[in-house]
N, C-alpha and C. Protein backbone atom coordinates (compact mmCIF):
# COMPACT_ATOMS: atom_id res chain seq x y z
N MET A 1 -9.25 16.39 -9.44
CA MET A 1 -9.07 15.22 -9.21
C MET A 1 -10.49 14.53 -8.82
N SER A 2 -10.85 13.38 -9.59
CA SER A 2 -12.30 12.86 -9.38
C SER A 2 -12.31 12.55 -7.92
N GLU A 3 -13.85 12.43 -7.63
CA GLU A 3 -14.05 11.94 -6.25
C GLU A 3 -13.44 10.34 -6.08
N THR A 4 -13.08 9.87 -4.79
CA THR A 4 -12.48 8.90 -4.54
C THR A 4 -13.62 7.95 -4.04
N LYS A 5 -13.23 6.46 -4.69
CA LYS A 5 -14.58 5.70 -4.69
C LYS A 5 -14.05 4.30 -4.04
N HIS A 6 -12.89 4.44 -3.43
CA HIS A 6 -12.24 3.47 -2.59
C HIS A 6 -12.42 3.66 -1.07
N THR A 7 -11.94 2.88 -0.38
CA THR A 7 -12.10 2.91 1.12
C THR A 7 -11.06 4.03 1.45
N PRO A 8 -11.50 4.94 2.27
CA PRO A 8 -10.48 6.21 2.75
C PRO A 8 -9.41 5.55 3.11
N ARG A 9 -8.23 6.70 3.13
CA ARG A 9 -6.97 6.31 3.45
C ARG A 9 -6.89 6.65 5.23
N PRO A 10 -6.28 5.97 5.99
CA PRO A 10 -4.96 5.44 5.58
C PRO A 10 -5.26 3.83 5.64
N TRP A 11 -4.37 3.29 5.05
CA TRP A 11 -4.23 1.80 4.96
C TRP A 11 -2.96 1.22 5.75
N LYS A 12 -2.97 0.31 6.08
CA LYS A 12 -1.84 -0.37 6.90
C LYS A 12 -1.79 -1.59 6.67
N VAL A 13 -0.53 -2.44 6.81
CA VAL A 13 -0.08 -3.74 6.40
C VAL A 13 -0.13 -4.24 7.79
N ALA A 14 -0.78 -5.34 7.91
CA ALA A 14 -0.84 -6.22 9.21
C ALA A 14 -0.17 -7.76 8.82
N GLU A 15 0.56 -8.11 9.91
CA GLU A 15 0.96 -9.74 9.52
C GLU A 15 0.49 -10.33 10.94
N TRP A 16 0.30 -11.60 10.88
CA TRP A 16 0.03 -12.42 11.93
C TRP A 16 0.28 -13.58 11.39
N THR A 17 0.47 -14.83 12.57
CA THR A 17 0.80 -16.10 12.59
C THR A 17 -0.35 -16.94 13.18
N THR A 18 -1.05 -17.94 12.72
CA THR A 18 -1.78 -18.62 13.22
C THR A 18 -1.12 -19.71 14.35
N ASP A 19 -1.95 -20.37 15.13
CA ASP A 19 -1.52 -21.23 15.95
C ASP A 19 -1.01 -22.49 15.21
N GLY A 20 -1.12 -22.49 14.14
CA GLY A 20 -0.75 -23.79 13.18
C GLY A 20 0.68 -23.31 12.51
N GLY A 21 0.97 -22.33 12.83
CA GLY A 21 2.19 -21.35 12.09
C GLY A 21 2.03 -20.99 10.73
N ARG A 22 0.84 -21.01 10.39
CA ARG A 22 0.54 -20.14 8.68
C ARG A 22 0.43 -18.90 9.16
N ARG A 23 1.32 -18.07 8.21
CA ARG A 23 1.55 -16.51 8.21
C ARG A 23 0.37 -15.87 7.13
N TYR A 24 -0.07 -14.73 7.71
CA TYR A 24 -0.97 -13.99 6.73
C TYR A 24 -0.63 -12.72 6.74
N ILE A 25 -0.83 -12.27 5.66
CA ILE A 25 -0.31 -10.52 5.57
C ILE A 25 -1.66 -10.11 5.07
N SER A 26 -2.23 -8.84 5.62
CA SER A 26 -3.39 -8.49 4.74
C SER A 26 -3.14 -6.72 4.81
N VAL A 27 -3.69 -5.81 4.06
CA VAL A 27 -3.98 -4.71 4.05
C VAL A 27 -5.17 -4.41 4.94
N GLN A 28 -5.23 -3.47 5.72
CA GLN A 28 -6.23 -3.07 6.59
C GLN A 28 -6.34 -1.69 6.85
N THR A 29 -7.64 -1.38 7.17
CA THR A 29 -7.95 0.09 7.43
C THR A 29 -8.90 0.18 8.93
N ASP A 30 -8.97 1.30 9.38
CA ASP A 30 -9.81 1.26 10.74
C ASP A 30 -11.13 1.97 10.15
N TYR A 31 -11.53 2.06 8.76
CA TYR A 31 -12.59 2.85 8.42
C TYR A 31 -13.39 1.80 7.94
N PRO A 32 -14.80 1.80 8.01
CA PRO A 32 -15.45 2.57 8.81
C PRO A 32 -15.29 2.43 10.24
N ALA A 33 -15.88 3.58 11.04
CA ALA A 33 -15.80 3.38 12.50
C ALA A 33 -16.88 2.44 13.05
N SER A 34 -17.98 1.91 12.20
CA SER A 34 -18.56 0.97 12.58
C SER A 34 -17.76 -0.64 12.76
N CYS A 35 -16.48 -0.70 12.11
CA CYS A 35 -15.77 -2.00 12.36
C CYS A 35 -15.30 -1.98 13.75
N ARG A 36 -15.19 -3.37 13.90
CA ARG A 36 -14.88 -3.69 15.47
C ARG A 36 -13.30 -3.89 15.03
N GLY A 37 -12.48 -2.96 15.41
CA GLY A 37 -10.97 -2.98 15.13
C GLY A 37 -10.48 -2.71 13.92
N SER A 38 -10.04 -3.40 12.78
CA SER A 38 -9.66 -3.26 11.38
C SER A 38 -10.52 -3.95 10.46
N CYS A 39 -10.67 -3.31 9.35
CA CYS A 39 -11.35 -4.02 8.29
C CYS A 39 -10.41 -4.44 7.42
N SER A 40 -10.08 -5.91 6.81
CA SER A 40 -9.29 -5.91 5.68
C SER A 40 -9.81 -5.69 4.19
N ILE A 41 -8.85 -5.08 3.66
CA ILE A 41 -9.02 -4.40 2.30
C ILE A 41 -8.63 -5.60 1.35
N ALA A 42 -7.60 -6.33 1.53
CA ALA A 42 -7.01 -7.56 0.99
C ALA A 42 -5.89 -8.30 1.84
N CYS A 43 -6.12 -9.45 1.26
CA CYS A 43 -5.18 -10.54 1.96
C CYS A 43 -4.20 -10.96 0.85
N MET A 44 -2.81 -10.95 1.16
CA MET A 44 -2.03 -11.90 0.47
C MET A 44 -1.87 -13.09 0.82
N THR A 45 -2.29 -14.01 -0.47
CA THR A 45 -2.22 -15.73 -0.12
C THR A 45 -1.30 -16.30 -1.12
N GLY A 46 -0.51 -15.46 -1.93
CA GLY A 46 0.33 -15.98 -2.90
C GLY A 46 1.43 -16.84 -2.47
N SER A 47 1.42 -18.32 -3.04
CA SER A 47 2.69 -19.33 -2.65
C SER A 47 3.62 -19.27 -3.78
N TYR A 48 4.85 -19.28 -3.50
CA TYR A 48 5.95 -19.22 -4.40
C TYR A 48 6.82 -20.70 -4.19
N TYR A 49 7.23 -21.18 -5.21
CA TYR A 49 7.72 -22.55 -5.22
C TYR A 49 9.18 -22.35 -5.69
N THR A 50 10.07 -23.38 -5.25
CA THR A 50 11.22 -23.41 -5.87
C THR A 50 11.48 -23.97 -7.21
N LYS A 51 12.33 -24.25 -8.25
CA LYS A 51 12.47 -24.92 -9.37
C LYS A 51 12.02 -26.28 -9.32
N THR A 52 12.39 -26.88 -8.10
CA THR A 52 12.14 -28.29 -7.97
C THR A 52 10.65 -28.48 -7.34
N GLY A 53 9.66 -27.24 -7.46
CA GLY A 53 8.36 -27.65 -6.99
C GLY A 53 7.88 -27.66 -5.47
N GLN A 54 9.04 -27.26 -4.53
CA GLN A 54 9.11 -27.07 -3.11
C GLN A 54 8.51 -25.77 -2.70
N PRO A 55 7.63 -25.82 -1.69
CA PRO A 55 7.17 -24.54 -1.40
C PRO A 55 8.16 -23.63 -0.54
N ASP A 56 8.39 -22.21 -1.04
CA ASP A 56 9.41 -21.48 -0.71
C ASP A 56 8.60 -20.28 0.24
N ARG A 57 8.67 -20.73 1.38
CA ARG A 57 7.87 -19.82 2.41
C ARG A 57 8.73 -18.42 2.61
N GLU A 58 9.91 -18.41 2.65
CA GLU A 58 10.33 -16.99 2.58
C GLU A 58 10.44 -16.28 1.44
N THR A 59 10.36 -16.69 0.39
CA THR A 59 10.02 -15.60 -1.00
C THR A 59 8.81 -15.62 -0.63
N SER A 60 7.75 -16.26 -0.32
CA SER A 60 6.34 -16.28 -0.76
C SER A 60 6.11 -14.99 0.32
N VAL A 61 6.54 -14.86 1.89
CA VAL A 61 6.45 -14.12 2.73
C VAL A 61 6.82 -12.65 2.30
N ALA A 62 8.13 -12.45 1.53
CA ALA A 62 8.82 -11.34 1.26
C ALA A 62 7.96 -10.96 0.15
N ILE A 63 7.53 -11.52 -0.99
CA ILE A 63 6.56 -11.13 -2.20
C ILE A 63 5.36 -10.59 -1.50
N ASN A 64 4.72 -11.44 -0.76
CA ASN A 64 3.32 -10.87 -0.31
C ASN A 64 3.43 -9.72 0.66
N ARG A 65 4.70 -9.51 1.16
CA ARG A 65 4.72 -8.21 1.98
C ARG A 65 4.86 -6.98 1.20
N ALA A 66 5.91 -7.41 -0.03
CA ALA A 66 6.18 -6.12 -1.05
C ALA A 66 4.78 -5.88 -1.54
N ASN A 67 4.07 -6.77 -2.00
CA ASN A 67 2.53 -6.59 -2.62
C ASN A 67 1.82 -5.82 -1.58
N ALA A 68 1.63 -5.96 -0.63
CA ALA A 68 0.65 -5.33 0.55
C ALA A 68 1.45 -4.16 0.66
N ASP A 69 2.59 -3.90 1.07
CA ASP A 69 3.07 -2.65 0.84
C ASP A 69 2.79 -1.52 -0.15
N LEU A 70 2.74 -2.03 -1.19
CA LEU A 70 2.40 -1.06 -2.45
C LEU A 70 0.73 -0.90 -2.71
N ILE A 71 0.10 -1.95 -2.13
CA ILE A 71 -1.32 -1.71 -2.03
C ILE A 71 -1.80 -0.94 -0.86
N ALA A 72 -1.18 -0.81 0.11
CA ALA A 72 -1.29 -0.17 1.42
C ALA A 72 -1.02 1.49 0.88
N ALA A 73 0.01 1.75 0.23
CA ALA A 73 0.55 3.05 -0.08
C ALA A 73 -0.27 3.67 -1.38
N ALA A 74 -1.21 2.67 -1.88
CA ALA A 74 -1.88 3.31 -3.00
C ALA A 74 -2.69 4.73 -2.72
N PRO A 75 -3.64 4.77 -1.86
CA PRO A 75 -4.28 5.80 -1.47
C PRO A 75 -3.52 7.16 -1.22
N GLU A 76 -2.29 6.95 -0.41
CA GLU A 76 -1.49 7.89 -0.14
C GLU A 76 -0.99 8.35 -1.52
N LEU A 77 -0.37 7.73 -2.26
CA LEU A 77 0.26 8.01 -3.47
C LEU A 77 -0.73 8.83 -4.45
N GLU A 78 -1.84 8.23 -4.55
CA GLU A 78 -3.12 9.10 -5.11
C GLU A 78 -3.24 10.21 -4.57
N HIS A 79 -3.35 10.43 -3.51
CA HIS A 79 -3.71 11.69 -2.67
C HIS A 79 -2.40 12.78 -2.96
N GLU A 80 -1.27 12.19 -3.06
CA GLU A 80 -0.21 13.13 -3.29
C GLU A 80 0.16 13.43 -4.47
N LEU A 81 -0.18 12.50 -5.70
CA LEU A 81 0.19 12.89 -6.92
C LEU A 81 -0.98 13.22 -7.97
N GLY A 82 -2.27 12.90 -7.14
CA GLY A 82 -3.70 13.32 -7.97
C GLY A 82 -3.58 14.89 -8.33
N GLY A 83 -3.32 15.54 -7.57
CA GLY A 83 -3.75 16.98 -7.85
C GLY A 83 -2.53 17.55 -8.58
N ILE A 84 -1.28 16.85 -8.81
CA ILE A 84 -0.30 17.29 -9.72
C ILE A 84 -0.85 16.88 -11.22
N ALA A 85 -1.09 15.49 -11.18
CA ALA A 85 -1.73 15.12 -12.40
C ALA A 85 -2.67 16.03 -13.01
N ASP A 86 -3.66 16.43 -12.30
CA ASP A 86 -4.65 17.14 -12.58
C ASP A 86 -4.18 18.73 -13.00
N ALA A 87 -3.52 18.99 -12.51
CA ALA A 87 -2.88 20.32 -12.92
C ALA A 87 -1.99 20.38 -14.24
N LEU A 88 -1.10 19.43 -14.51
CA LEU A 88 -0.60 19.07 -15.73
C LEU A 88 -1.18 18.80 -16.87
N THR A 89 -2.52 17.92 -16.49
CA THR A 89 -3.53 17.75 -17.63
C THR A 89 -4.19 19.19 -18.10
N ALA A 90 -4.48 19.74 -17.08
CA ALA A 90 -5.05 21.05 -17.31
C ALA A 90 -3.91 22.41 -18.02
N GLY A 91 -2.71 21.67 -18.03
CA GLY A 91 -1.63 22.44 -18.80
C GLY A 91 -0.93 23.39 -17.98
N GLU A 92 -1.01 23.17 -16.63
CA GLU A 92 -0.55 23.98 -15.66
C GLU A 92 1.08 23.75 -15.53
N THR A 93 1.79 24.65 -15.02
CA THR A 93 3.16 24.22 -14.63
C THR A 93 3.25 23.98 -13.30
N VAL A 94 3.86 22.79 -13.02
CA VAL A 94 3.79 22.48 -11.38
C VAL A 94 5.37 22.52 -11.05
N VAL A 95 5.58 23.26 -9.90
CA VAL A 95 6.81 23.50 -9.20
C VAL A 95 6.94 22.66 -7.99
N ILE A 96 7.74 21.87 -7.60
CA ILE A 96 7.99 21.17 -6.39
C ILE A 96 9.31 21.30 -5.83
N GLU A 97 9.61 22.34 -4.93
CA GLU A 97 10.79 22.62 -4.51
C GLU A 97 11.63 21.45 -3.74
N PRO A 98 12.59 21.12 -3.85
CA PRO A 98 13.47 20.25 -3.30
C PRO A 98 13.13 20.59 -1.68
N GLY A 99 12.98 19.30 -0.92
CA GLY A 99 13.13 19.69 0.81
C GLY A 99 11.45 20.29 0.84
N SER A 100 10.87 20.66 0.05
CA SER A 100 9.64 21.14 0.48
C SER A 100 8.70 20.07 1.07
N VAL A 101 7.52 20.50 1.70
CA VAL A 101 6.73 19.46 2.50
C VAL A 101 6.19 18.78 1.58
N LYS A 102 5.63 19.06 0.20
CA LYS A 102 5.12 18.26 -0.65
C LYS A 102 5.99 17.27 -1.18
N ALA A 103 7.42 17.67 -1.42
CA ALA A 103 8.53 16.72 -1.83
C ALA A 103 8.83 15.65 -0.83
N SER A 104 8.77 16.04 0.51
CA SER A 104 8.64 15.07 1.46
C SER A 104 7.66 14.11 1.43
N ARG A 105 6.43 14.72 1.36
CA ARG A 105 5.11 13.56 1.32
C ARG A 105 5.35 12.73 0.11
N ILE A 106 5.75 13.04 -1.09
CA ILE A 106 5.79 12.26 -2.29
C ILE A 106 6.88 11.13 -1.74
N ALA A 107 8.03 11.79 -1.60
CA ALA A 107 9.05 10.73 -1.17
C ALA A 107 8.49 9.75 0.15
N ALA A 108 7.95 10.04 0.99
CA ALA A 108 7.32 9.14 1.89
C ALA A 108 6.28 8.32 1.30
N ALA A 109 5.60 8.76 0.54
CA ALA A 109 4.54 7.78 -0.20
C ALA A 109 5.28 6.74 -0.96
N ILE A 110 6.17 7.34 -1.55
CA ILE A 110 7.01 6.08 -2.59
C ILE A 110 7.82 5.32 -1.73
N ALA A 111 8.23 5.82 -0.50
CA ALA A 111 9.16 4.81 0.16
C ALA A 111 8.15 3.75 0.79
N ALA A 112 6.91 4.27 1.23
CA ALA A 112 6.02 3.13 1.85
C ALA A 112 5.46 2.20 0.73
N ALA A 113 5.37 2.41 -0.37
CA ALA A 113 4.96 1.70 -1.55
C ALA A 113 5.93 0.68 -1.97
N THR A 114 7.46 0.90 -1.63
CA THR A 114 8.56 0.16 -1.88
C THR A 114 9.00 -0.56 -0.70
N GLY A 115 8.18 -0.24 0.46
CA GLY A 115 8.69 -0.91 1.61
C GLY A 115 9.96 -0.15 2.20
N ASP A 116 10.45 0.79 1.85
CA ASP A 116 11.49 1.23 2.27
C ASP A 116 11.47 2.34 3.55
């Protein structure tokens, strides 16, 4: 697997509401150590509207949260699946036993990506 060029894992989803009631959802990391608190990687700002053109806050928050979950899980998915992809590309056989630590880690990364 090639060297990682993105911000190192772990990434996490953070949500907060301003005093004005506006909700924000972002993907953050505690890396680099020089950051005070967390550093934002991405901020979900999509707005969704009903068919009549009215803002749909509930849908906006749900979709933005799902997008943030997927983005935050990307480094873990890369970590867990990258070596498997490299081995398969090299023509190696990959066996992952049901219930193994590797199978559990892959399942956890997928669950994080889907918000489960």
